PDB file of N, CA and C in Angstrom:
ATOM      1  N   UNK A   1       0.830  -1.172   0.000  1.00  0.00           N
ATOM      2  CA  UNK A   1       0.001   0.003  -0.001  1.00  0.00           C
ATOM      3  C   UNK A   1       0.878   1.236   0.002  1.00  0.00           C
ATOM      4  N   UNK A   2       0.413   2.244  -0.647  1.00  0.00           N
ATOM      5  CA  UNK A   2       1.202   3.476  -0.714  1.00  0.00           C
ATOM      6  C   UNK A   2       0.826   4.425   0.409  1.00  0.00           C
ATOM      7  N   UNK A   3       1.704   5.390   0.695  1.00  0.00           N
ATOM      8  CA  UNK A   3       1.507   6.326   1.797  1.00  0.00           C
ATOM      9  C   UNK A   3       0.234   7.138   1.602  1.00  0.00           C
ATOM     10  N   UNK A   4      -0.064   7.547   0.371  1.00  0.00           N
ATOM     11  CA  UNK A   4      -1.256   8.351   0.166  1.00  0.00           C
ATOM     12  C   UNK A   4      -2.539   7.586   0.512  1.00  0.00           C
ATOM     13  N   UNK A   5      -2.507   6.260   0.413  1.00  0.00           N
ATOM     14  CA  UNK A   5      -3.668   5.439   0.794  1.00  0.00           C
ATOM     15  C   UNK A   5      -3.702   5.262   2.313  1.00  0.00           C
ATOM     16  N   UNK A   6      -2.537   5.039   2.939  1.00  0.00           N
ATOM     17  CA  UNK A   6      -2.461   4.788   4.363  1.00  0.00           C
ATOM     18  C   UNK A   6      -2.634   6.054   5.201  1.00  0.00           C
ATOM     19  N   UNK A   7      -2.310   7.198   4.658  1.00  0.00           N
ATOM     20  CA  UNK A   7      -2.323   8.439   5.410  1.00  0.00           C
ATOM     21  C   UNK A   7      -3.618   9.194   5.235  1.00  0.00           C
ATOM     22  N   UNK A   8      -4.034   9.883   6.302  1.00  0.00           N
ATOM     23  CA  UNK A   8      -5.202  10.755   6.187  1.00  0.00           C
ATOM     24  C   UNK A   8      -4.795  12.162   5.805  1.00  0.00           C
ATOM     25  N   UNK A   9      -3.489  12.390   5.609  1.00  0.00           N
ATOM     26  CA  UNK A   9      -2.995  13.717   5.241  1.00  0.00           C
ATOM     27  C   UNK A   9      -3.086  13.890   3.734  1.00  0.00           C
ATOM     28  N   UNK A  10      -3.763  14.954   3.321  1.00  0.00           N
ATOM     29  CA  UNK A  10      -3.913  15.224   1.899  1.00  0.00           C
ATOM     30  C   UNK A  10      -2.529  15.467   1.274  1.00  0.00           C
ATOM     31  N   UNK A  11      -2.256  14.830   0.156  1.00  0.00           N
ATOM     32  CA  UNK A  11      -0.991  15.040  -0.547  1.00  0.00           C
ATOM     33  C   UNK A  11       0.195  14.396   0.123  1.00  0.00           C
ATOM     34  N   UNK A  12      -0.012  13.400   0.973  1.00  0.00           N
ATOM     35  CA  UNK A  12       1.086  12.752   1.669  1.00  0.00           C
ATOM     36  C   UNK A  12       2.049  12.117   0.665  1.00  0.00           C
ATOM     37  N   UNK A  13       3.316  12.278   0.914  1.00  0.00           N
ATOM     38  CA  UNK A  13       4.365  11.708   0.064  1.00  0.00           C
ATOM     39  C   UNK A  13       5.258  10.838   0.926  1.00  0.00           C
ATOM     40  N   UNK A  14       5.727   9.716   0.381  1.00  0.00           N
ATOM     41  CA  UNK A  14       6.611   8.846   1.165  1.00  0.00           C
ATOM     42  C   UNK A  14       7.972   9.496   1.388  1.00  0.00           C
ATOM     43  N   UNK A  15       8.575   9.192   2.509  1.00  0.00           N
ATOM     44  CA  UNK A  15       9.925   9.659   2.794  1.00  0.00           C
ATOM     45  C   UNK A  15      10.843   8.453   2.746  1.00  0.00           C
ATOM     46  N   UNK A  16      12.120   8.694   2.768  1.00  0.00           N
ATOM     47  CA  UNK A  16      13.092   7.602   2.758  1.00  0.00           C
ATOM     48  C   UNK A  16      12.921   6.728   3.994  1.00  0.00           C
ATOM     49  N   UNK A  17      12.631   7.366   5.143  1.00  0.00           N
ATOM     50  CA  UNK A  17      12.426   6.605   6.392  1.00  0.00           C
ATOM     51  C   UNK A  17      11.228   5.679   6.292  1.00  0.00           C
ATOM     52  N   UNK A  18      10.135   6.181   5.709  1.00  0.00           N
ATOM     53  CA  UNK A  18       8.938   5.370   5.553  1.00  0.00           C
ATOM     54  C   UNK A  18       9.219   4.215   4.594  1.00  0.00           C
ATOM     55  N   UNK A  19       9.912   4.488   3.506  1.00  0.00           N
ATOM     56  CA  UNK A  19      10.261   3.433   2.550  1.00  0.00           C
ATOM     57  C   UNK A  19      11.118   2.354   3.207  1.00  0.00           C
ATOM     58  N   UNK A  20      12.089   2.774   4.032  1.00  0.00           N
ATOM     59  CA  UNK A  20      12.952   1.818   4.733  1.00  0.00           C
ATOM     60  C   UNK A  20      12.134   0.976   5.706  1.00  0.00           C
ATOM     61  N   UNK A  21      11.195   1.625   6.428  1.00  0.00           N
ATOM     62  CA  UNK A  21      10.357   0.887   7.358  1.00  0.00           C
ATOM     63  C   UNK A  21       9.532  -0.169   6.619  1.00  0.00           C
ATOM     64  N   UNK A  22       8.922   0.209   5.495  1.00  0.00           N
ATOM     65  CA  UNK A  22       8.146  -0.746   4.725  1.00  0.00           C
ATOM     66  C   UNK A  22       9.015  -1.896   4.215  1.00  0.00           C
ATOM     67  N   UNK A  23      10.259  -1.600   3.820  1.00  0.00           N
ATOM     68  CA  UNK A  23      11.176  -2.655   3.375  1.00  0.00           C
ATOM     69  C   UNK A  23      11.485  -3.645   4.511  1.00  0.00           C
ATOM     70  N   UNK A  24      11.698  -3.101   5.704  1.00  0.00           N
ATOM     71  CA  UNK A  24      11.977  -3.967   6.865  1.00  0.00           C
ATOM     72  C   UNK A  24      10.778  -4.857   7.142  1.00  0.00           C
ATOM     73  N   UNK A  25       9.579  -4.279   7.099  1.00  0.00           N
ATOM     74  CA  UNK A  25       8.367  -5.062   7.350  1.00  0.00           C
ATOM     75  C   UNK A  25       8.188  -6.143   6.287  1.00  0.00           C
ATOM     76  N   UNK A  26       8.400  -5.776   5.008  1.00  0.00           N
ATOM     77  CA  UNK A  26       8.241  -6.742   3.920  1.00  0.00           C
ATOM     78  C   UNK A  26       9.228  -7.897   4.034  1.00  0.00           C
ATOM     79  N   UNK A  27      10.441  -7.591   4.525  1.00  0.00           N
ATOM     80  CA  UNK A  27      11.496  -8.600   4.568  1.00  0.00           C
ATOM     81  C   UNK A  27      11.559  -9.340   5.911  1.00  0.00           C
ATOM     82  N   UNK A  28      10.647  -9.050   6.806  1.00  0.00           N
ATOM     83  CA  UNK A  28      10.634  -9.703   8.122  1.00  0.00           C
ATOM     84  C   UNK A  28      10.311 -11.186   7.949  1.00  0.00           C
ATOM     85  N   UNK A  29      10.937 -11.978   8.788  1.00  0.00           N
ATOM     86  CA  UNK A  29      10.694 -13.422   8.756  1.00  0.00           C
ATOM     87  C   UNK A  29       9.958 -13.778  10.029  1.00  0.00           C
ATOM     88  N   UNK A  30       8.648 -13.961   9.933  1.00  0.00           N
ATOM     89  CA  UNK A  30       7.894 -14.319  11.143  1.00  0.00           C
ATOM     90  C   UNK A  30       8.207 -15.753  11.551  1.00  0.00           C
ATOM     91  N   UNK A  31       8.341 -15.955  12.855  1.00  0.00           N
ATOM     92  CA  UNK A  31       8.574 -17.305  13.354  1.00  0.00           C
ATOM     93  C   UNK A  31       7.585 -17.601  14.448  1.00  0.00           C
ATOM     94  N   UNK A  32       7.314 -18.871  14.638  1.00  0.00           N
ATOM     95  CA  UNK A  32       6.438 -19.304  15.704  1.00  0.00           C
ATOM     96  C   UNK A  32       7.174 -20.354  16.512  1.00  0.00           C
ATOM     97  N   UNK A  33       8.366 -19.983  16.973  1.00  0.00           N
ATOM     98  CA  UNK A  33       9.214 -20.892  17.734  1.00  0.00           C
ATOM     99  C   UNK A  33       8.960 -20.662  19.219  1.00  0.00           C
ATOM    100  N   UNK A  34       8.266 -21.567  19.857  1.00  0.00           N
ATOM    101  CA  UNK A  34       7.915 -21.406  21.254  1.00  0.00           C
ATOM    102  C   UNK A  34       8.950 -22.048  22.183  1.00  0.00           C
ATOM    103  N   UNK A  35      10.134 -22.303  21.696  1.00  0.00           N
ATOM    104  CA  UNK A  35      11.177 -22.949  22.475  1.00  0.00           C
ATOM    105  C   UNK A  35      11.564 -22.095  23.683  1.00  0.00           C
ATOM    106  N   UNK A  36      11.832 -22.747  24.811  1.00  0.00           N
ATOM    107  CA  UNK A  36      12.284 -22.011  26.001  1.00  0.00           C
ATOM    108  C   UNK A  36      13.670 -21.430  25.803  1.00  0.00           C
ATOM    109  N   UNK A  37      14.426 -21.931  24.834  1.00  0.00           N
ATOM    110  CA  UNK A  37      15.758 -21.412  24.555  1.00  0.00           C
ATOM    111  C   UNK A  37      15.709 -20.083  23.818  1.00  0.00           C
ATOM    112  N   UNK A  38      14.550 -19.674  23.394  1.00  0.00           N
ATOM    113  CA  UNK A  38      14.395 -18.456  22.574  1.00  0.00           C
ATOM    114  C   UNK A  38      13.902 -17.295  23.436  1.00  0.00           C
ATOM    115  N   UNK A  39      14.551 -17.066  24.593  1.00  0.00           N
ATOM    116  CA  UNK A  39      14.075 -16.052  25.541  1.00  0.00           C
ATOM    117  C   UNK A  39      14.284 -14.625  25.060  1.00  0.00           C
ATOM    118  N   UNK A  40      15.209 -14.374  24.152  1.00  0.00           N
ATOM    119  CA  UNK A  40      15.490 -13.015  23.685  1.00  0.00           C
ATOM    120  C   UNK A  40      14.773 -12.642  22.395  1.00  0.00           C
ATOM    121  N   UNK A  41      13.737 -13.374  22.046  1.00  0.00           N
ATOM    122  CA  UNK A  41      13.096 -13.147  20.755  1.00  0.00           C
ATOM    123  C   UNK A  41      12.430 -11.789  20.644  1.00  0.00           C
ATOM    124  N   UNK A  42      12.092 -11.148  21.765  1.00  0.00           N
ATOM    125  CA  UNK A  42      11.467  -9.842  21.720  1.00  0.00           C
ATOM    126  C   UNK A  42      12.412  -8.737  22.154  1.00  0.00           C
ATOM    127  N   UNK A  43      13.701  -9.021  22.159  1.00  0.00           N
ATOM    128  CA  UNK A  43      14.688  -8.057  22.616  1.00  0.00           C
ATOM    129  C   UNK A  43      15.439  -7.447  21.446  1.00  0.00           C
ATOM    130  N   UNK A  44      15.901  -6.227  21.663  1.00  0.00           N
ATOM    131  CA  UNK A  44      16.711  -5.529  20.670  1.00  0.00           C
ATOM    132  C   UNK A  44      17.972  -5.062  21.376  1.00  0.00           C
ATOM    133  N   UNK A  45      19.079  -5.286  20.743  1.00  0.00           N
ATOM    134  CA  UNK A  45      20.346  -4.830  21.311  1.00  0.00           C
ATOM    135  C   UNK A  45      20.446  -3.314  21.169  1.00  0.00           C
ATOM    136  N   UNK A  46      20.973  -2.654  22.200  1.00  0.00           N
ATOM    137  CA  UNK A  46      21.138  -1.198  22.145  1.00  0.00           C
ATOM    138  C   UNK A  46      22.017  -0.806  20.956  1.00  0.00           C
ATOM    139  N   UNK A  47      22.975  -1.632  20.614  1.00  0.00           N
ATOM    140  CA  UNK A  47      23.872  -1.304  19.503  1.00  0.00           C
ATOM    141  C   UNK A  47      23.156  -1.347  18.155  1.00  0.00           C
ATOM    142  N   UNK A  48      21.964  -1.977  18.111  1.00  0.00           N
ATOM    143  CA  UNK A  48      21.204  -2.035  16.870  1.00  0.00           C
ATOM    144  C   UNK A  48      20.313  -0.809  16.656  1.00  0.00           C
ATOM    145  N   UNK A  49      20.170   0.024  17.677  1.00  0.00           N
ATOM    146  CA  UNK A  49      19.320   1.202  17.567  1.00  0.00           C
ATOM    147  C   UNK A  49      20.041   2.326  16.829  1.00  0.00           C
ATOM    148  N   UNK A  50      19.279   3.073  16.065  1.00  0.00           N
ATOM    149  CA  UNK A  50      19.873   4.187  15.334  1.00  0.00           C
ATOM    150  C   UNK A  50      19.970   5.408  16.246  1.00  0.00           C
ATOM    151  N   UNK A  51      20.857   6.299  15.911  1.00  0.00           N
ATOM    152  CA  UNK A  51      20.983   7.547  16.642  1.00  0.00           C
ATOM    153  C   UNK A  51      19.818   8.463  16.295  1.00  0.00           C
ATOM    154  N   UNK A  52      19.261   9.141  17.277  1.00  0.00           N
ATOM    155  CA  UNK A  52      18.176  10.087  17.016  1.00  0.00           C
ATOM    156  C   UNK A  52      18.727  11.302  16.279  1.00  0.00           C
ATOM    157  N   UNK A  53      18.050  11.658  15.191  1.00  0.00           N
ATOM    158  CA  UNK A  53      18.450  12.817  14.416  1.00  0.00           C
ATOM    159  C   UNK A  53      17.232  13.697  14.194  1.00  0.00           C
ATOM    160  N   UNK A  54      17.345  14.970  14.508  1.00  0.00           N
ATOM    161  CA  UNK A  54      16.239  15.904  14.290  1.00  0.00           C
ATOM    162  C   UNK A  54      16.345  16.433  12.868  1.00  0.00           C
ATOM    163  N   UNK A  55      15.261  16.252  12.119  1.00  0.00           N
ATOM    164  CA  UNK A  55      15.221  16.748  10.737  1.00  0.00           C
ATOM    165  C   UNK A  55      14.111  17.791  10.677  1.00  0.00           C
ATOM    166  N   UNK A  56      14.458  19.013  10.395  1.00  0.00           N
ATOM    167  CA  UNK A  56      13.496  20.108  10.325  1.00  0.00           C
ATOM    168  C   UNK A  56      12.546  19.895   9.167  1.00  0.00           C
ATOM    169  N   UNK A  57      11.260  20.045   9.422  1.00  0.00           N
ATOM    170  CA  UNK A  57      10.257  19.923   8.360  1.00  0.00           C
ATOM    171  C   UNK A  57      10.223  21.208   7.547  1.00  0.00           C
ATOM    172  N   UNK A  58       9.883  21.052   6.280  1.00  0.00           N
ATOM    173  CA  UNK A  58       9.755  22.231   5.424  1.00  0.00           C
ATOM    174  C   UNK A  58       8.472  22.971   5.786  1.00  0.00           C
ATOM    175  N   UNK A  59       8.350  24.198   5.342  1.00  0.00           N
ATOM    176  CA  UNK A  59       7.145  24.986   5.616  1.00  0.00           C
ATOM    177  C   UNK A  59       5.913  24.327   4.997  1.00  0.00           C
ATOM    178  N   UNK A  60       6.079  23.696   3.843  1.00  0.00           N
ATOM    179  CA  UNK A  60       4.944  23.007   3.177  1.00  0.00           C
ATOM    180  C   UNK A  60       4.480  21.834   4.045  1.00  0.00           C
ATOM    181  N   UNK A  61       5.441  21.048   4.568  1.00  0.00           N
ATOM    182  CA  UNK A  61       5.089  19.918   5.433  1.00  0.00           C
ATOM    183  C   UNK A  61       4.366  20.397   6.698  1.00  0.00           C
ATOM    184  N   UNK A  62       4.882  21.465   7.294  1.00  0.00           N
ATOM    185  CA  UNK A  62       4.261  21.997   8.505  1.00  0.00           C
ATOM    186  C   UNK A  62       2.845  22.467   8.213  1.00  0.00           C
ATOM    187  N   UNK A  63       2.662  23.138   7.091  1.00  0.00           N
ATOM    188  CA  UNK A  63       1.345  23.640   6.723  1.00  0.00           C
ATOM    189  C   UNK A  63       0.366  22.495   6.483  1.00  0.00           C
ATOM    190  N   UNK A  64       0.819  21.423   5.800  1.00  0.00           N
ATOM    191  CA  UNK A  64      -0.026  20.244   5.569  1.00  0.00           C
ATOM    192  C   UNK A  64      -0.471  19.609   6.895  1.00  0.00           C
ATOM    193  N   UNK A  65       0.449  19.529   7.839  1.00  0.00           N
ATOM    194  CA  UNK A  65       0.116  18.945   9.135  1.00  0.00           C
ATOM    195  C   UNK A  65      -0.927  19.805   9.841  1.00  0.00           C
ATOM    196  N   UNK A  66      -0.711  21.108   9.862  1.00  0.00           N
ATOM    197  CA  UNK A  66      -1.655  22.016  10.531  1.00  0.00           C
ATOM    198  C   UNK A  66      -3.031  21.954   9.872  1.00  0.00           C
ATOM    199  N   UNK A  67      -3.066  21.948   8.538  1.00  0.00           N
ATOM    200  CA  UNK A  67      -4.346  21.925   7.826  1.00  0.00           C
ATOM    201  C   UNK A  67      -5.108  20.620   8.037  1.00  0.00           C
ATOM    202  N   UNK A  68      -4.392  19.519   8.211  1.00  0.00           N
ATOM    203  CA  UNK A  68      -5.028  18.215   8.323  1.00  0.00           C
ATOM    204  C   UNK A  68      -5.220  17.722   9.752  1.00  0.00           C
ATOM    205  N   UNK A  69      -4.780  18.510  10.738  1.00  0.00           N
ATOM    206  CA  UNK A  69      -4.870  18.071  12.127  1.00  0.00           C
ATOM    207  C   UNK A  69      -6.308  18.127  12.587  1.00  0.00           C
ATOM    208  N   UNK A  70      -6.793  17.056  13.259  1.00  0.00           N
ATOM    209  CA  UNK A  70      -8.204  16.985  13.611  1.00  0.00           C
ATOM    210  C   UNK A  70      -8.644  17.991  14.685  1.00  0.00           C
ATOM    211  N   UNK A  71      -7.807  18.244  15.689  1.00  0.00           N
ATOM    212  CA  UNK A  71      -8.236  19.097  16.798  1.00  0.00           C
ATOM    213  C   UNK A  71      -7.204  20.165  17.123  1.00  0.00           C
ATOM    214  N   UNK A  72      -7.706  21.366  17.455  1.00  0.00           N
ATOM    215  CA  UNK A  72      -6.843  22.468  17.854  1.00  0.00           C
ATOM    216  C   UNK A  72      -7.472  23.131  19.072  1.00  0.00           C
ATOM    217  N   UNK A  73      -6.618  23.585  19.997  1.00  0.00           N
ATOM    218  CA  UNK A  73      -7.111  24.273  21.183  1.00  0.00           C
ATOM    219  C   UNK A  73      -6.085  25.296  21.627  1.00  0.00           C
ATOM    220  N   UNK A  74      -6.513  26.552  21.723  1.00  0.00           N
ATOM    221  CA  UNK A  74      -5.653  27.660  22.171  1.00  0.00           C
ATOM    222  C   UNK A  74      -4.340  27.733  21.363  1.00  0.00           C
ATOM    223  N   UNK A  75      -4.425  27.489  20.069  1.00  0.00           N
ATOM    224  CA  UNK A  75      -3.257  27.574  19.219  1.00  0.00           C
ATOM    225  C   UNK A  75      -2.388  26.329  19.199  1.00  0.00           C
ATOM    226  N   UNK A  76      -2.763  25.285  19.957  1.00  0.00           N
ATOM    227  CA  UNK A  76      -1.987  24.040  19.975  1.00  0.00           C
ATOM    228  C   UNK A  76      -2.731  22.939  19.202  1.00  0.00           C
ATOM    229  N   UNK A  77      -1.970  22.021  18.627  1.00  0.00           N
ATOM    230  CA  UNK A  77      -2.558  20.855  17.993  1.00  0.00           C
ATOM    231  C   UNK A  77      -2.793  19.817  19.079  1.00  0.00           C
ATOM    232  N   UNK A  78      -4.003  19.270  19.131  1.00  0.00           N
ATOM    233  CA  UNK A  78      -4.371  18.324  20.190  1.00  0.00           C
ATOM    234  C   UNK A  78      -4.503  16.932  19.607  1.00  0.00           C
ATOM    235  N   UNK A  79      -3.792  15.974  20.222  1.00  0.00           N
ATOM    236  CA  UNK A  79      -3.870  14.590  19.767  1.00  0.00           C
ATOM    237  C   UNK A  79      -4.756  13.796  20.711  1.00  0.00           C
ATOM    238  N   UNK A  80      -5.311  12.719  20.200  1.00  0.00           N
ATOM    239  CA  UNK A  80      -6.114  11.844  21.030  1.00  0.00           C
ATOM    240  C   UNK A  80      -5.206  11.116  22.005  1.00  0.00           C
ATOM    241  N   UNK A  81      -5.752  10.716  23.137  1.00  0.00           N
ATOM    242  CA  UNK A  81      -4.977   9.953  24.118  1.00  0.00           C
ATOM    243  C   UNK A  81      -4.622   8.608  23.520  1.00  0.00           C
ATOM    244  N   UNK A  82      -3.330   8.295  23.478  1.00  0.00           N
ATOM    245  CA  UNK A  82      -2.890   7.072  22.839  1.00  0.00           C
ATOM    246  C   UNK A  82      -2.520   5.992  23.859  1.00  0.00           C
ATOM    247  N   UNK A  83      -1.975   6.401  24.961  1.00  0.00           N
ATOM    248  CA  UNK A  83      -1.536   5.429  25.979  1.00  0.00           C
ATOM    249  C   UNK A  83      -2.461   5.546  27.182  1.00  0.00           C
ATOM    250  N   UNK A  84      -3.050   4.451  27.539  1.00  0.00           N
ATOM    251  CA  UNK A  84      -3.904   4.420  28.717  1.00  0.00           C
ATOM    252  C   UNK A  84      -3.208   3.642  29.813  1.00  0.00           C
ATOM    253  N   UNK A  85      -3.226   4.142  31.029  1.00  0.00           N
ATOM    254  CA  UNK A  85      -2.504   3.483  32.089  1.00  0.00           C
ATOM    255  C   UNK A  85      -3.256   3.209  33.294  1.00  0.00           C
TER     256      UNK A  85
END
């Protein structure tokens, strides 16, 4: 599926990061190995994590986000509660 189909943002375009994520998902090898020897199957090594990099959005990207955001309050963009505890 393409980003414009998956996204609710009008005019959404794929980025290199999104393309890489889709490639990782497509190439994943699902396993159903319930062996007790496979205790680290849900673990990720810290050395495998990428360094966080801040990439400034263009004015067009910022404007698209603002125009397509569902809720605004007092000049802030409001997101739905995602994590319930």
